Amino acid sequence: QVQLAESGGGLVQPGGSLRLSCAASGFTLDYYAIGWFRQAPGKEREGVSCIKSDGSTSYADSVKGRFTISRDSAKNTVYLQMNSLKPEDTAVYYCALECLPATRYDNWGQGTQVTVSS
């Protein structure tokens, strides 16, 4: 069974850092693109970052230079390192197979809550 499980969220002060994990089971991450998405209260879900099977990465303008996506093949896990966090980064973060527009997905995992607040 193909599953992705998000973890690593929490409460952090502005300027702080968190590392989110997206652990895969039932398939090998290396062969697929994996995207990170987020949904803030009252807002639509949006794409944050993507890592493709060839290792290339992309970022939303709002997080470029602050977030870094990476993949650990041995752990079959994709990470999202988030630095210089801002209150506007507060959202539930999700990972998903492939890097499609958020509206293309029918099902999402539980996600992990990130709250940036003093």
C-alpha atoms as a PDB file:
ATOM      1  CA  GLN A   1       0.000   0.000   0.000  1.00  0.00           C
ATOM      2  CA  VAL A   2       1.404   3.347  -1.071  1.00  0.00           C
ATOM      3  CA  GLN A   3       1.508   5.765   1.822  1.00  0.00           C
ATOM      4  CA  LEU A   4       3.132   9.060   2.708  1.00  0.00           C
ATOM      5  CA  ALA A   5       3.272  10.237   6.308  1.00  0.00           C
ATOM      6  CA  GLU A   6       4.120  13.798   7.329  1.00  0.00           C
ATOM      7  CA  SER A   7       5.735  14.701  10.641  1.00  0.00           C
ATOM      8  CA  GLY A   8       7.928  17.292  12.296  1.00  0.00           C
ATOM      9  CA  GLY A   9       5.580  20.218  12.705  1.00  0.00           C
ATOM     10  CA  GLY A  10       5.262  22.288  15.839  1.00  0.00           C
ATOM     11  CA  LEU A  11       5.211  25.725  17.391  1.00  0.00           C
ATOM     12  CA  VAL A  12       8.183  27.935  16.635  1.00  0.00           C
ATOM     13  CA  GLN A  13       8.982  31.595  17.102  1.00  0.00           C
ATOM     14  CA  PRO A  14       9.436  33.895  14.109  1.00  0.00           C
ATOM     15  CA  GLY A  15      12.925  33.462  12.738  1.00  0.00           C
ATOM     16  CA  GLY A  16      13.112  29.888  13.949  1.00  0.00           C
ATOM     17  CA  SER A  17      13.542  26.635  12.066  1.00  0.00           C
ATOM     18  CA  LEU A  18      11.768  23.320  11.662  1.00  0.00           C
ATOM     19  CA  ARG A  19      12.418  20.248   9.580  1.00  0.00           C
ATOM     20  CA  LEU A  20       9.439  18.369   8.213  1.00  0.00           C
ATOM     21  CA  SER A  21       9.626  14.742   7.162  1.00  0.00           C
ATOM     22  CA  CYS A  22       7.635  12.872   4.540  1.00  0.00           C
ATOM     23  CA  ALA A  23       8.168   9.150   4.992  1.00  0.00           C
ATOM     24  CA  ALA A  24       7.147   6.804   2.209  1.00  0.00           C
ATOM     25  CA  SER A  25       6.030   3.206   2.487  1.00  0.00           C
ATOM     26  CA  GLY A  26       5.027   0.759  -0.200  1.00  0.00           C
ATOM     27  CA  PHE A  27       7.172   2.349  -2.893  1.00  0.00           C
ATOM     28  CA  THR A  28      10.600   3.870  -3.492  1.00  0.00           C
ATOM     29  CA  LEU A  29      10.686   7.644  -3.326  1.00  0.00           C
ATOM     30  CA  ASP A  30      13.682   7.911  -5.632  1.00  0.00           C
ATOM     31  CA  TYR A  31      11.594   7.125  -8.693  1.00  0.00           C
ATOM     32  CA  TYR A  32       8.977   9.814  -8.146  1.00  0.00           C
ATOM     33  CA  ALA A  33       8.606  13.524  -7.723  1.00  0.00           C
ATOM     34  CA  ILE A  34       7.459  14.515  -4.259  1.00  0.00           C
ATOM     35  CA  GLY A  35       5.780  17.793  -3.495  1.00  0.00           C
ATOM     36  CA  TRP A  36       5.225  19.713  -0.286  1.00  0.00           C
ATOM     37  CA  PHE A  37       2.023  21.701   0.011  1.00  0.00           C
ATOM     38  CA  ARG A  38       0.450  23.811   2.729  1.00  0.00           C
ATOM     39  CA  GLN A  39      -2.939  25.144   3.675  1.00  0.00           C
ATOM     40  CA  ALA A  40      -3.288  28.141   5.924  1.00  0.00           C
ATOM     41  CA  PRO A  41      -6.548  28.874   7.758  1.00  0.00           C
ATOM     42  CA  GLY A  42      -9.093  30.313   5.370  1.00  0.00           C
ATOM     43  CA  LYS A  43      -6.830  29.884   2.365  1.00  0.00           C
ATOM     44  CA  GLU A  44      -6.540  27.424  -0.467  1.00  0.00           C
ATOM     45  CA  ARG A  45      -3.916  24.723  -0.403  1.00  0.00           C
ATOM     46  CA  GLU A  46      -0.791  25.771  -2.270  1.00  0.00           C
ATOM     47  CA  GLY A  47       2.364  24.173  -3.544  1.00  0.00           C
ATOM     48  CA  VAL A  48       5.496  24.959  -1.559  1.00  0.00           C
ATOM     49  CA  SER A  49       8.300  22.875  -3.011  1.00  0.00           C
ATOM     50  CA  CYS A  50       9.010  19.916  -5.249  1.00  0.00           C
ATOM     51  CA  ILE A  51      11.851  17.471  -5.695  1.00  0.00           C
ATOM     52  CA  LYS A  52      11.923  15.411  -8.860  1.00  0.00           C
ATOM     53  CA  SER A  53      13.376  11.967  -9.443  1.00  0.00           C
ATOM     54  CA  ASP A  54      16.459  13.540 -11.019  1.00  0.00           C
ATOM     55  CA  GLY A  55      17.036  15.575  -7.856  1.00  0.00           C
ATOM     56  CA  SER A  56      16.036  18.904  -9.310  1.00  0.00           C
ATOM     57  CA  THR A  57      14.102  21.150  -6.947  1.00  0.00           C
ATOM     58  CA  SER A  58      11.704  24.061  -7.161  1.00  0.00           C
ATOM     59  CA  TYR A  59      10.159  26.444  -4.666  1.00  0.00           C
ATOM     60  CA  ALA A  60       7.290  28.852  -4.372  1.00  0.00           C
ATOM     61  CA  ASP A  61       8.494  32.443  -4.458  1.00  0.00           C
ATOM     62  CA  SER A  62       7.254  32.967  -0.914  1.00  0.00           C
ATOM     63  CA  VAL A  63       9.699  30.395   0.503  1.00  0.00           C
ATOM     64  CA  LYS A  64      12.612  30.637  -1.904  1.00  0.00           C
ATOM     65  CA  GLY A  65      15.881  31.126  -0.057  1.00  0.00           C
ATOM     66  CA  ARG A  66      14.366  30.027   3.265  1.00  0.00           C
ATOM     67  CA  PHE A  67      13.159  26.459   2.640  1.00  0.00           C
ATOM     68  CA  THR A  68      15.191  23.547   1.330  1.00  0.00           C
ATOM     69  CA  ILE A  69      13.767  20.267   0.081  1.00  0.00           C
ATOM     70  CA  SER A  70      15.920  17.146   0.131  1.00  0.00           C
ATOM     71  CA  ARG A  71      15.681  13.382  -0.130  1.00  0.00           C
ATOM     72  CA  ASP A  72      17.296  10.590   1.896  1.00  0.00           C
ATOM     73  CA  SER A  73      17.137   7.461  -0.231  1.00  0.00           C
ATOM     74  CA  ALA A  74      18.282   5.177   2.589  1.00  0.00           C
ATOM     75  CA  LYS A  75      15.401   6.331   4.771  1.00  0.00           C
ATOM     76  CA  ASN A  76      12.938   6.625   1.883  1.00  0.00           C
ATOM     77  CA  THR A  77      12.091  10.071   3.218  1.00  0.00           C
ATOM     78  CA  VAL A  78      11.819  13.584   1.818  1.00  0.00           C
ATOM     79  CA  TYR A  79      12.550  16.520   4.098  1.00  0.00           C
ATOM     80  CA  LEU A  80      11.579  20.159   4.082  1.00  0.00           C
ATOM     81  CA  GLN A  81      14.036  22.269   6.049  1.00  0.00           C
ATOM     82  CA  MET A  82      12.351  25.538   6.936  1.00  0.00           C
ATOM     83  CA  ASN A  83      14.479  28.420   8.167  1.00  0.00           C
ATOM     84  CA  SER A  84      13.711  32.051   8.955  1.00  0.00           C
ATOM     85  CA  LEU A  85      10.111  31.133   9.564  1.00  0.00           C
ATOM     86  CA  LYS A  86       7.484  33.855   9.413  1.00  0.00           C
ATOM     87  CA  PRO A  87       3.973  33.999  10.884  1.00  0.00           C
ATOM     88  CA  GLU A  88       2.607  33.697   7.358  1.00  0.00           C
ATOM     89  CA  ASP A  89       4.208  30.259   7.104  1.00  0.00           C
ATOM     90  CA  THR A  90       1.664  29.022   9.640  1.00  0.00           C
ATOM     91  CA  ALA A  91      -0.287  26.228   7.960  1.00  0.00           C
ATOM     92  CA  VAL A  92      -0.871  22.510   7.815  1.00  0.00           C
ATOM     93  CA  TYR A  93       1.837  21.032   5.626  1.00  0.00           C
ATOM     94  CA  TYR A  94       1.276  18.018   3.405  1.00  0.00           C
ATOM     95  CA  CYS A  95       3.404  15.961   1.086  1.00  0.00           C
ATOM     96  CA  ALA A  96       2.114  14.223  -2.011  1.00  0.00           C
ATOM     97  CA  LEU A  97       3.254  12.046  -4.853  1.00  0.00           C
ATOM     98  CA  GLU A  98       4.206  13.969  -7.948  1.00  0.00           C
ATOM     99  CA  CYS A  99       4.121  17.753  -8.056  1.00  0.00           C
ATOM    100  CA  LEU A 100       0.750  18.510  -9.503  1.00  0.00           C
ATOM    101  CA  PRO A 101      -1.332  21.602  -8.849  1.00  0.00           C
ATOM    102  CA  ALA A 102      -2.976  21.188  -5.436  1.00  0.00           C
ATOM    103  CA  THR A 103      -6.442  21.060  -6.996  1.00  0.00           C
ATOM    104  CA  ARG A 104      -5.538  17.887  -8.862  1.00  0.00           C
ATOM    105  CA  TYR A 105      -5.392  15.748  -5.739  1.00  0.00           C
ATOM    106  CA  ASP A 106      -8.483  14.008  -4.391  1.00  0.00           C
ATOM    107  CA  ASN A 107      -6.988  12.684  -1.179  1.00  0.00           C
ATOM    108  CA  TRP A 108      -4.551  14.080   1.343  1.00  0.00           C
ATOM    109  CA  GLY A 109      -2.824  12.693   4.383  1.00  0.00           C
ATOM    110  CA  GLN A 110      -3.224  14.108   7.874  1.00  0.00           C
ATOM    111  CA  GLY A 111      -0.500  16.669   7.378  1.00  0.00           C
ATOM    112  CA  THR A 112       1.582  18.277  10.080  1.00  0.00           C
ATOM    113  CA  GLN A 113       0.753  21.584  11.735  1.00  0.00           C
ATOM    114  CA  VAL A 114       3.333  24.372  11.671  1.00  0.00           C
ATOM    115  CA  THR A 115       2.605  27.405  13.821  1.00  0.00           C
ATOM    116  CA  VAL A 116       4.912  30.401  13.767  1.00  0.00           C
ATOM    117  CA  SER A 117       4.111  32.732  16.620  1.00  0.00           C
ATOM    118  CA  SER A 118       5.778  34.642  19.413  1.00  0.00           C
END
